[in-house]
């Protein structure tokens, strides 16, 4: 006999005092506590740890991080992160058409971002064993080994949130990104 487990999103009063403070800061900064972030707060340290990872200093610009987020979320089939990062990508200056192209793993409108999108897709699809061509194109586009490490940190961050949403199926509290 199989029973389906349902995953509840905790409210501010359901979480620890420490996480309540994090909720308050999120609400101040974003105007809301996204459902996926709230779910991390079921664990005493996970929300803070995850936000620290997400907000760390990087050699990559915000636009570049959004390329990685969109490509990784598309490959991992995470509708929540596809939707959240569509909103964030628009805030970073990408058009709807560019976002769709990036989610498909390329960026013909910018050679450097194209190399990044293809490298990210190769990394995610091959579990870190990117093709020689994707690696060569990444470095030829002007990226460094330090950038490569930052790409992996963003991919890892996104895998964590993609997998958490894919496991829980929490309601998406962003405008839903179009299906591809």
N, C-alpha and C. Protein backbone atom coordinates (compact mmCIF):
# COMPACT_ATOMS: atom_id res chain seq x y z
N UNK A 1 0.84 -1.18 0.00
CA UNK A 1 0.00 0.00 0.00
C UNK A 1 0.89 1.24 0.00
N UNK A 2 0.63 2.11 -0.92
CA UNK A 2 1.45 3.31 -1.06
C UNK A 2 0.67 4.54 -0.62
N UNK A 3 1.31 5.37 0.16
CA UNK A 3 0.69 6.64 0.53
C UNK A 3 1.60 7.75 0.04
N UNK A 4 1.01 8.79 -0.48
CA UNK A 4 1.80 9.90 -0.99
C UNK A 4 2.03 10.91 0.12
N UNK A 5 3.30 11.22 0.33
CA UNK A 5 3.67 12.21 1.34
C UNK A 5 3.45 13.60 0.76
N UNK A 6 2.83 14.47 1.53
CA UNK A 6 2.69 15.85 1.08
C UNK A 6 3.66 16.72 1.89
N UNK A 7 4.17 17.72 1.23
CA UNK A 7 5.17 18.60 1.83
C UNK A 7 4.55 19.96 2.09
N UNK A 8 4.54 20.35 3.36
CA UNK A 8 3.93 21.63 3.76
C UNK A 8 5.00 22.71 3.83
N UNK A 9 4.65 23.88 3.39
CA UNK A 9 5.55 25.03 3.47
C UNK A 9 5.38 25.64 4.85
N UNK A 10 6.48 25.74 5.61
CA UNK A 10 6.35 26.32 6.94
C UNK A 10 6.09 27.82 6.89
N UNK A 11 5.32 28.29 7.84
CA UNK A 11 5.12 29.74 7.99
C UNK A 11 6.17 30.25 8.96
N UNK A 12 6.23 31.54 9.12
CA UNK A 12 7.21 32.15 10.03
C UNK A 12 7.10 31.55 11.42
N UNK A 13 5.87 31.36 11.90
CA UNK A 13 5.69 30.85 13.28
C UNK A 13 6.07 29.37 13.41
N UNK A 14 6.23 28.67 12.31
CA UNK A 14 6.60 27.24 12.34
C UNK A 14 8.10 27.01 12.45
N UNK A 15 8.90 28.07 12.23
CA UNK A 15 10.34 27.86 12.15
C UNK A 15 11.04 28.43 13.38
N UNK A 16 12.31 28.08 13.54
CA UNK A 16 13.09 28.52 14.69
C UNK A 16 13.24 30.04 14.71
N UNK A 17 13.63 30.54 15.84
CA UNK A 17 13.84 31.99 15.99
C UNK A 17 14.89 32.49 14.99
N UNK A 18 15.96 31.71 14.84
CA UNK A 18 17.01 32.08 13.87
C UNK A 18 16.42 32.18 12.46
N UNK A 19 15.64 31.18 12.06
CA UNK A 19 15.06 31.20 10.72
C UNK A 19 13.98 32.27 10.58
N UNK A 20 13.32 32.63 11.67
CA UNK A 20 12.35 33.73 11.61
C UNK A 20 13.07 35.03 11.22
N UNK A 21 14.27 35.22 11.76
CA UNK A 21 15.07 36.40 11.41
C UNK A 21 15.42 36.37 9.92
N UNK A 22 15.80 35.20 9.42
CA UNK A 22 16.11 35.06 8.00
C UNK A 22 14.86 35.36 7.17
N UNK A 23 13.71 34.85 7.59
CA UNK A 23 12.44 35.13 6.89
C UNK A 23 12.20 36.65 6.84
N UNK A 24 12.41 37.32 7.98
CA UNK A 24 12.19 38.77 8.04
C UNK A 24 13.11 39.50 7.06
N UNK A 25 14.37 39.08 6.97
CA UNK A 25 15.32 39.70 6.05
C UNK A 25 14.94 39.43 4.60
N UNK A 26 14.48 38.22 4.31
CA UNK A 26 14.04 37.90 2.96
C UNK A 26 12.83 38.76 2.57
N UNK A 27 11.90 38.87 3.51
CA UNK A 27 10.70 39.66 3.23
C UNK A 27 11.06 41.13 2.96
N UNK A 28 12.03 41.64 3.74
CA UNK A 28 12.50 43.02 3.53
C UNK A 28 13.15 43.17 2.16
N UNK A 29 13.99 42.22 1.80
CA UNK A 29 14.75 42.32 0.56
C UNK A 29 13.97 41.96 -0.69
N UNK A 30 13.11 40.94 -0.60
CA UNK A 30 12.40 40.44 -1.78
C UNK A 30 10.92 40.79 -1.78
N UNK A 31 10.43 41.21 -0.62
CA UNK A 31 8.99 41.47 -0.51
C UNK A 31 8.19 40.22 -0.22
N UNK A 32 8.88 39.07 -0.12
CA UNK A 32 8.22 37.78 0.13
C UNK A 32 9.28 36.78 0.59
N UNK A 33 8.81 35.67 1.11
CA UNK A 33 9.68 34.53 1.37
C UNK A 33 9.28 33.47 0.36
N UNK A 34 10.09 33.26 -0.69
CA UNK A 34 9.73 32.24 -1.68
C UNK A 34 9.52 30.87 -1.02
N UNK A 35 8.55 30.14 -1.54
CA UNK A 35 8.20 28.83 -0.95
C UNK A 35 9.40 27.90 -0.80
N UNK A 36 10.26 27.88 -1.80
CA UNK A 36 11.41 26.98 -1.73
C UNK A 36 12.36 27.39 -0.60
N UNK A 37 12.58 28.69 -0.43
CA UNK A 37 13.40 29.16 0.69
C UNK A 37 12.74 28.80 2.01
N UNK A 38 11.44 29.01 2.10
CA UNK A 38 10.73 28.69 3.34
C UNK A 38 10.90 27.22 3.69
N UNK A 39 10.85 26.36 2.68
CA UNK A 39 10.96 24.93 2.93
C UNK A 39 12.34 24.57 3.51
N UNK A 40 13.39 25.24 3.04
CA UNK A 40 14.73 25.01 3.60
C UNK A 40 14.73 25.23 5.11
N UNK A 41 13.86 26.11 5.61
CA UNK A 41 13.84 26.47 7.04
C UNK A 41 13.29 25.35 7.92
N UNK A 42 12.81 24.25 7.32
CA UNK A 42 12.43 23.10 8.14
C UNK A 42 13.66 22.48 8.80
N UNK A 43 14.82 22.83 8.28
CA UNK A 43 16.09 22.40 8.83
C UNK A 43 16.73 23.63 9.48
N UNK A 44 17.25 23.49 10.67
CA UNK A 44 17.75 24.63 11.44
C UNK A 44 18.80 25.45 10.69
N UNK A 45 19.71 24.81 9.96
CA UNK A 45 20.82 25.55 9.35
C UNK A 45 20.75 25.64 7.83
N UNK A 46 19.92 24.86 7.18
CA UNK A 46 19.95 24.74 5.72
C UNK A 46 19.65 26.06 5.00
N UNK A 47 18.66 26.82 5.47
CA UNK A 47 18.31 28.06 4.79
C UNK A 47 19.48 29.05 4.82
N UNK A 48 20.06 29.26 5.97
CA UNK A 48 21.21 30.16 6.08
C UNK A 48 22.39 29.68 5.27
N UNK A 49 22.66 28.37 5.32
CA UNK A 49 23.77 27.80 4.55
C UNK A 49 23.53 27.99 3.06
N UNK A 50 22.31 27.74 2.61
CA UNK A 50 21.99 27.86 1.20
C UNK A 50 22.11 29.31 0.73
N UNK A 51 21.60 30.24 1.53
CA UNK A 51 21.69 31.66 1.16
C UNK A 51 23.14 32.14 1.14
N UNK A 52 23.96 31.62 2.05
CA UNK A 52 25.39 31.97 2.05
C UNK A 52 26.04 31.49 0.75
N UNK A 53 25.73 30.27 0.34
CA UNK A 53 26.26 29.75 -0.92
C UNK A 53 25.78 30.61 -2.09
N UNK A 54 24.50 30.91 -2.12
CA UNK A 54 23.92 31.68 -3.22
C UNK A 54 24.48 33.09 -3.31
N UNK A 55 24.77 33.69 -2.18
CA UNK A 55 25.18 35.09 -2.15
C UNK A 55 26.68 35.30 -2.02
N UNK A 56 27.46 34.25 -2.21
CA UNK A 56 28.92 34.37 -2.08
C UNK A 56 29.48 35.25 -3.20
N UNK A 57 30.65 35.82 -2.96
CA UNK A 57 31.32 36.61 -4.00
C UNK A 57 31.70 35.66 -5.12
N UNK A 58 31.68 36.20 -6.34
CA UNK A 58 31.94 35.36 -7.51
C UNK A 58 32.72 36.14 -8.55
N UNK A 59 33.46 35.42 -9.37
CA UNK A 59 34.15 36.04 -10.50
C UNK A 59 33.18 36.26 -11.66
N UNK A 60 31.97 35.75 -11.54
CA UNK A 60 30.96 35.83 -12.60
C UNK A 60 30.00 36.98 -12.34
N UNK A 61 29.59 37.65 -13.40
CA UNK A 61 28.58 38.71 -13.31
C UNK A 61 27.21 38.08 -13.08
N UNK A 62 26.26 38.89 -12.62
CA UNK A 62 24.89 38.41 -12.38
C UNK A 62 24.29 37.78 -13.62
N UNK A 63 24.49 38.40 -14.77
CA UNK A 63 23.96 37.86 -16.03
C UNK A 63 24.50 36.47 -16.31
N UNK A 64 25.79 36.29 -16.05
CA UNK A 64 26.41 34.98 -16.28
C UNK A 64 25.84 33.94 -15.32
N UNK A 65 25.65 34.33 -14.08
CA UNK A 65 25.06 33.38 -13.11
C UNK A 65 23.65 33.00 -13.52
N UNK A 66 22.90 33.95 -14.09
CA UNK A 66 21.54 33.62 -14.54
C UNK A 66 21.56 32.65 -15.71
N UNK A 67 22.54 32.78 -16.60
CA UNK A 67 22.67 31.80 -17.70
C UNK A 67 22.84 30.40 -17.11
N UNK A 68 23.72 30.27 -16.13
CA UNK A 68 23.97 28.97 -15.50
C UNK A 68 22.70 28.47 -14.80
N UNK A 69 22.01 29.35 -14.08
CA UNK A 69 20.78 28.97 -13.38
C UNK A 69 19.72 28.48 -14.36
N UNK A 70 19.53 29.18 -15.46
CA UNK A 70 18.50 28.81 -16.43
C UNK A 70 18.82 27.48 -17.12
N UNK A 71 20.07 27.33 -17.55
CA UNK A 71 20.46 26.10 -18.25
C UNK A 71 20.33 24.90 -17.31
N UNK A 72 20.86 25.03 -16.10
CA UNK A 72 20.84 23.92 -15.14
C UNK A 72 19.40 23.56 -14.77
N UNK A 73 18.57 24.55 -14.51
CA UNK A 73 17.17 24.30 -14.12
C UNK A 73 16.39 23.65 -15.26
N UNK A 74 16.69 24.02 -16.49
CA UNK A 74 16.02 23.41 -17.63
C UNK A 74 16.41 21.94 -17.75
N UNK A 75 17.69 21.65 -17.70
CA UNK A 75 18.16 20.27 -17.83
C UNK A 75 17.61 19.41 -16.70
N UNK A 76 17.54 19.96 -15.49
CA UNK A 76 17.05 19.21 -14.34
C UNK A 76 15.52 19.20 -14.24
N UNK A 77 14.85 19.86 -15.15
CA UNK A 77 13.39 19.83 -15.19
C UNK A 77 12.72 20.47 -13.98
N UNK A 78 13.34 21.52 -13.44
CA UNK A 78 12.77 22.18 -12.26
C UNK A 78 11.94 23.39 -12.69
N UNK A 79 10.63 23.22 -12.68
CA UNK A 79 9.72 24.31 -13.09
C UNK A 79 9.80 25.50 -12.14
N UNK A 80 10.01 25.23 -10.85
CA UNK A 80 10.10 26.32 -9.88
C UNK A 80 11.27 27.23 -10.23
N UNK A 81 12.45 26.64 -10.40
CA UNK A 81 13.65 27.46 -10.67
C UNK A 81 13.62 28.05 -12.07
N UNK A 82 13.05 27.36 -13.04
CA UNK A 82 12.88 27.95 -14.37
C UNK A 82 12.06 29.24 -14.24
N UNK A 83 11.00 29.18 -13.45
CA UNK A 83 10.12 30.33 -13.27
C UNK A 83 10.80 31.45 -12.49
N UNK A 84 11.43 31.13 -11.37
CA UNK A 84 12.11 32.14 -10.56
C UNK A 84 13.23 32.82 -11.36
N UNK A 85 14.01 32.03 -12.09
CA UNK A 85 15.14 32.61 -12.80
C UNK A 85 14.74 33.28 -14.11
N UNK A 86 13.55 33.01 -14.61
CA UNK A 86 13.03 33.80 -15.73
C UNK A 86 12.80 35.22 -15.24
N UNK A 87 12.19 35.36 -14.05
CA UNK A 87 11.96 36.69 -13.46
C UNK A 87 13.30 37.39 -13.21
N UNK A 88 14.24 36.70 -12.58
CA UNK A 88 15.54 37.30 -12.27
C UNK A 88 16.33 37.64 -13.54
N UNK A 89 16.21 36.81 -14.56
CA UNK A 89 16.92 37.07 -15.82
C UNK A 89 16.37 38.31 -16.51
N UNK A 90 15.05 38.51 -16.43
CA UNK A 90 14.47 39.74 -16.99
C UNK A 90 14.99 40.95 -16.22
N UNK A 91 15.11 40.83 -14.90
CA UNK A 91 15.64 41.92 -14.08
C UNK A 91 17.10 42.22 -14.43
N UNK A 92 17.81 41.21 -14.97
CA UNK A 92 19.19 41.38 -15.38
C UNK A 92 19.33 41.77 -16.85
N UNK A 93 18.21 42.07 -17.51
CA UNK A 93 18.26 42.63 -18.86
C UNK A 93 18.05 41.67 -20.01
N UNK A 94 17.77 40.41 -19.74
CA UNK A 94 17.50 39.47 -20.82
C UNK A 94 16.06 39.62 -21.30
N UNK A 95 15.83 39.42 -22.59
CA UNK A 95 14.48 39.46 -23.16
C UNK A 95 13.85 38.07 -23.04
N UNK A 96 12.54 37.98 -23.23
CA UNK A 96 11.85 36.69 -23.21
C UNK A 96 12.47 35.72 -24.21
N UNK A 97 12.77 36.20 -25.40
CA UNK A 97 13.34 35.35 -26.45
C UNK A 97 14.72 34.85 -26.05
N UNK A 98 15.53 35.72 -25.47
CA UNK A 98 16.87 35.33 -25.03
C UNK A 98 16.79 34.28 -23.92
N UNK A 99 15.85 34.46 -23.00
CA UNK A 99 15.69 33.51 -21.90
C UNK A 99 15.33 32.12 -22.43
N UNK A 100 14.42 32.05 -23.39
CA UNK A 100 14.05 30.76 -23.99
C UNK A 100 15.27 30.13 -24.65
N UNK A 101 16.03 30.92 -25.40
CA UNK A 101 17.22 30.39 -26.06
C UNK A 101 18.23 29.87 -25.04
N UNK A 102 18.45 30.63 -23.97
CA UNK A 102 19.38 30.20 -22.92
C UNK A 102 18.90 28.90 -22.29
N UNK A 103 17.63 28.80 -21.99
CA UNK A 103 17.10 27.56 -21.40
C UNK A 103 17.35 26.38 -22.33
N UNK A 104 17.40 26.63 -23.63
CA UNK A 104 17.68 25.56 -24.60
C UNK A 104 19.18 25.26 -24.72
N UNK A 105 20.01 26.06 -24.03
CA UNK A 105 21.44 25.75 -23.97
C UNK A 105 22.34 26.54 -24.89
N UNK A 106 21.85 27.68 -25.40
CA UNK A 106 22.72 28.52 -26.22
C UNK A 106 22.33 29.98 -26.04
N UNK A 107 23.20 30.86 -26.57
CA UNK A 107 22.95 32.31 -26.49
C UNK A 107 23.58 32.94 -27.73
N UNK A 108 22.97 32.73 -28.89
CA UNK A 108 23.54 33.19 -30.17
C UNK A 108 23.73 34.70 -30.21
N UNK A 109 23.05 35.43 -29.34
CA UNK A 109 23.12 36.89 -29.30
C UNK A 109 24.38 37.42 -28.62
N UNK A 110 25.19 36.53 -27.99
CA UNK A 110 26.40 36.94 -27.28
C UNK A 110 27.37 35.76 -27.26
N UNK A 111 28.50 35.88 -27.97
CA UNK A 111 29.43 34.75 -28.13
C UNK A 111 29.96 34.21 -26.79
N UNK A 112 30.27 35.10 -25.87
CA UNK A 112 30.82 34.65 -24.58
C UNK A 112 29.75 33.92 -23.76
N UNK A 113 28.54 34.48 -23.72
CA UNK A 113 27.45 33.81 -22.99
C UNK A 113 27.06 32.49 -23.67
N UNK A 114 27.20 32.43 -24.99
CA UNK A 114 26.92 31.20 -25.72
C UNK A 114 27.88 30.09 -25.28
N UNK A 115 29.17 30.43 -25.18
CA UNK A 115 30.16 29.46 -24.71
C UNK A 115 29.84 29.01 -23.28
N UNK A 116 29.41 29.96 -22.46
CA UNK A 116 29.04 29.65 -21.07
C UNK A 116 27.82 28.73 -21.02
N UNK A 117 26.80 29.04 -21.80
CA UNK A 117 25.58 28.21 -21.81
C UNK A 117 25.90 26.80 -22.26
N UNK A 118 26.70 26.66 -23.31
CA UNK A 118 27.04 25.33 -23.84
C UNK A 118 27.93 24.56 -22.87
N UNK A 119 28.86 25.26 -22.23
CA UNK A 119 29.72 24.63 -21.22
C UNK A 119 28.87 24.15 -20.05
N UNK A 120 27.97 24.99 -19.56
CA UNK A 120 27.10 24.62 -18.44
C UNK A 120 26.26 23.40 -18.81
N UNK A 121 25.66 23.41 -19.99
CA UNK A 121 24.84 22.27 -20.42
C UNK A 121 25.67 20.99 -20.46
N UNK A 122 26.88 21.09 -20.98
CA UNK A 122 27.74 19.91 -21.06
C UNK A 122 28.12 19.41 -19.66
N UNK A 123 28.42 20.34 -18.76
CA UNK A 123 28.76 19.97 -17.37
C UNK A 123 27.58 19.25 -16.72
N UNK A 124 26.38 19.83 -16.80
CA UNK A 124 25.22 19.27 -16.11
C UNK A 124 24.81 17.94 -16.75
N UNK A 125 24.72 17.91 -18.07
CA UNK A 125 24.28 16.69 -18.75
C UNK A 125 25.25 15.52 -18.54
N UNK A 126 26.53 15.82 -18.40
CA UNK A 126 27.55 14.78 -18.29
C UNK A 126 28.13 14.65 -16.88
N UNK A 127 27.40 15.19 -15.89
CA UNK A 127 27.79 15.08 -14.48
C UNK A 127 29.24 15.49 -14.24
N UNK A 128 29.59 16.65 -14.82
CA UNK A 128 30.92 17.22 -14.60
C UNK A 128 31.92 16.86 -15.68
N UNK A 129 31.61 15.88 -16.48
CA UNK A 129 32.54 15.47 -17.54
C UNK A 129 32.18 16.19 -18.83
N UNK A 130 32.40 17.50 -18.84
CA UNK A 130 32.07 18.32 -20.01
C UNK A 130 32.88 17.86 -21.20
N UNK A 131 32.31 18.04 -22.37
CA UNK A 131 33.02 17.66 -23.59
C UNK A 131 34.26 18.53 -23.76
N UNK A 132 35.23 17.98 -24.45
CA UNK A 132 36.47 18.71 -24.73
C UNK A 132 36.14 20.00 -25.50
N UNK A 133 35.21 19.92 -26.43
CA UNK A 133 34.83 21.08 -27.24
C UNK A 133 34.21 22.18 -26.36
N UNK A 134 33.31 21.79 -25.46
CA UNK A 134 32.67 22.77 -24.57
C UNK A 134 33.72 23.44 -23.68
N UNK A 135 34.67 22.66 -23.18
CA UNK A 135 35.73 23.22 -22.34
C UNK A 135 36.62 24.17 -23.13
N UNK A 136 37.01 23.74 -24.32
CA UNK A 136 37.88 24.56 -25.17
C UNK A 136 37.19 25.87 -25.52
N UNK A 137 35.91 25.79 -25.91
CA UNK A 137 35.17 27.00 -26.27
C UNK A 137 35.00 27.94 -25.08
N UNK A 138 34.80 27.37 -23.89
CA UNK A 138 34.66 28.15 -22.66
C UNK A 138 35.93 28.98 -22.42
N UNK A 139 37.08 28.34 -22.49
CA UNK A 139 38.34 29.05 -22.24
C UNK A 139 38.68 29.99 -23.39
N UNK A 140 38.39 29.60 -24.63
CA UNK A 140 38.65 30.46 -25.78
C UNK A 140 37.80 31.74 -25.71
N UNK A 141 36.61 31.64 -25.12
CA UNK A 141 35.72 32.81 -24.98
C UNK A 141 36.25 33.80 -23.95
N UNK A 142 37.29 33.43 -23.21
CA UNK A 142 37.89 34.36 -22.26
C UNK A 142 37.66 34.00 -20.80
N UNK A 143 37.01 32.87 -20.55
CA UNK A 143 36.82 32.45 -19.17
C UNK A 143 38.11 31.82 -18.63
N UNK A 144 38.27 31.89 -17.31
CA UNK A 144 39.47 31.39 -16.64
C UNK A 144 39.13 30.15 -15.81
N UNK A 145 40.15 29.54 -15.24
CA UNK A 145 39.93 28.41 -14.34
C UNK A 145 39.17 28.87 -13.09
N UNK A 146 39.44 30.08 -12.63
CA UNK A 146 38.68 30.62 -11.49
C UNK A 146 37.20 30.73 -11.85
N UNK A 147 36.91 31.18 -13.09
CA UNK A 147 35.52 31.24 -13.55
C UNK A 147 34.91 29.85 -13.59
N UNK A 148 35.68 28.86 -14.04
CA UNK A 148 35.17 27.48 -14.12
C UNK A 148 34.74 26.99 -12.73
N UNK A 149 35.55 27.30 -11.73
CA UNK A 149 35.20 26.90 -10.36
C UNK A 149 33.90 27.58 -9.94
N UNK A 150 33.74 28.85 -10.26
CA UNK A 150 32.50 29.56 -9.93
C UNK A 150 31.31 28.99 -10.69
N UNK A 151 31.51 28.58 -11.95
CA UNK A 151 30.42 27.93 -12.68
C UNK A 151 29.97 26.68 -11.92
N UNK A 152 30.92 25.90 -11.45
CA UNK A 152 30.57 24.67 -10.72
C UNK A 152 29.84 24.97 -9.41
N UNK A 153 30.23 26.04 -8.73
CA UNK A 153 29.54 26.41 -7.50
C UNK A 153 28.09 26.83 -7.78
N UNK A 154 27.87 27.56 -8.88
CA UNK A 154 26.50 27.95 -9.23
C UNK A 154 25.70 26.73 -9.67
N UNK A 155 26.31 25.83 -10.45
CA UNK A 155 25.62 24.60 -10.85
C UNK A 155 25.24 23.80 -9.60
N UNK A 156 26.17 23.68 -8.65
CA UNK A 156 25.89 22.94 -7.42
C UNK A 156 24.75 23.57 -6.63
N UNK A 157 24.77 24.89 -6.51
CA UNK A 157 23.70 25.63 -5.84
C UNK A 157 22.37 25.31 -6.51
N UNK A 158 22.36 25.36 -7.84
CA UNK A 158 21.11 25.16 -8.56
C UNK A 158 20.64 23.72 -8.48
N UNK A 159 21.57 22.76 -8.49
CA UNK A 159 21.18 21.35 -8.35
C UNK A 159 20.47 21.15 -7.01
N UNK A 160 20.98 21.76 -5.96
CA UNK A 160 20.36 21.63 -4.64
C UNK A 160 18.90 22.09 -4.70
N UNK A 161 18.66 23.29 -5.22
CA UNK A 161 17.29 23.81 -5.25
C UNK A 161 16.43 23.06 -6.27
N UNK A 162 17.01 22.68 -7.42
CA UNK A 162 16.25 21.91 -8.42
C UNK A 162 15.79 20.59 -7.82
N UNK A 163 16.68 19.90 -7.17
CA UNK A 163 16.34 18.59 -6.60
C UNK A 163 15.33 18.73 -5.47
N UNK A 164 15.50 19.78 -4.65
CA UNK A 164 14.55 19.97 -3.55
C UNK A 164 13.15 20.18 -4.10
N UNK A 165 13.03 21.02 -5.13
CA UNK A 165 11.69 21.23 -5.70
C UNK A 165 11.19 19.98 -6.42
N UNK A 166 12.07 19.29 -7.14
CA UNK A 166 11.64 18.09 -7.84
C UNK A 166 11.17 17.01 -6.86
N UNK A 167 11.74 16.97 -5.68
CA UNK A 167 11.31 16.02 -4.64
C UNK A 167 9.99 16.42 -3.99
N UNK A 168 9.80 17.71 -3.77
CA UNK A 168 8.65 18.18 -2.98
C UNK A 168 7.47 18.64 -3.82
N UNK A 169 7.73 19.17 -5.01
CA UNK A 169 6.64 19.70 -5.84
C UNK A 169 5.92 20.88 -5.20
N UNK A 170 6.64 21.67 -4.42
CA UNK A 170 6.02 22.83 -3.75
C UNK A 170 5.36 23.75 -4.77
N UNK A 171 4.30 24.45 -4.38
CA UNK A 171 3.66 25.40 -5.31
C UNK A 171 4.65 26.48 -5.76
N UNK A 172 4.58 26.81 -7.04
CA UNK A 172 5.45 27.83 -7.61
C UNK A 172 4.83 29.20 -7.35
N UNK A 173 5.56 30.06 -6.66
CA UNK A 173 5.03 31.38 -6.29
C UNK A 173 5.68 32.50 -7.10
N UNK A 174 6.00 32.20 -8.35
CA UNK A 174 6.48 33.16 -9.34
C UNK A 174 5.62 32.97 -10.58
N UNK A 175 5.60 33.97 -11.49
CA UNK A 175 4.90 33.73 -12.75
C UNK A 175 5.52 32.49 -13.43
N UNK A 176 4.67 31.59 -13.87
CA UNK A 176 5.15 30.31 -14.43
C UNK A 176 5.87 30.54 -15.76
N UNK A 177 7.07 30.02 -15.86
CA UNK A 177 7.84 30.12 -17.10
C UNK A 177 7.17 29.23 -18.16
N UNK A 178 7.25 29.66 -19.42
CA UNK A 178 6.65 28.82 -20.48
C UNK A 178 7.33 27.46 -20.58
N UNK A 179 6.56 26.46 -20.94
CA UNK A 179 7.13 25.12 -21.19
C UNK A 179 7.95 25.18 -22.47
N UNK A 180 8.98 24.39 -22.54
CA UNK A 180 9.75 24.28 -23.78
C UNK A 180 9.43 22.96 -24.44
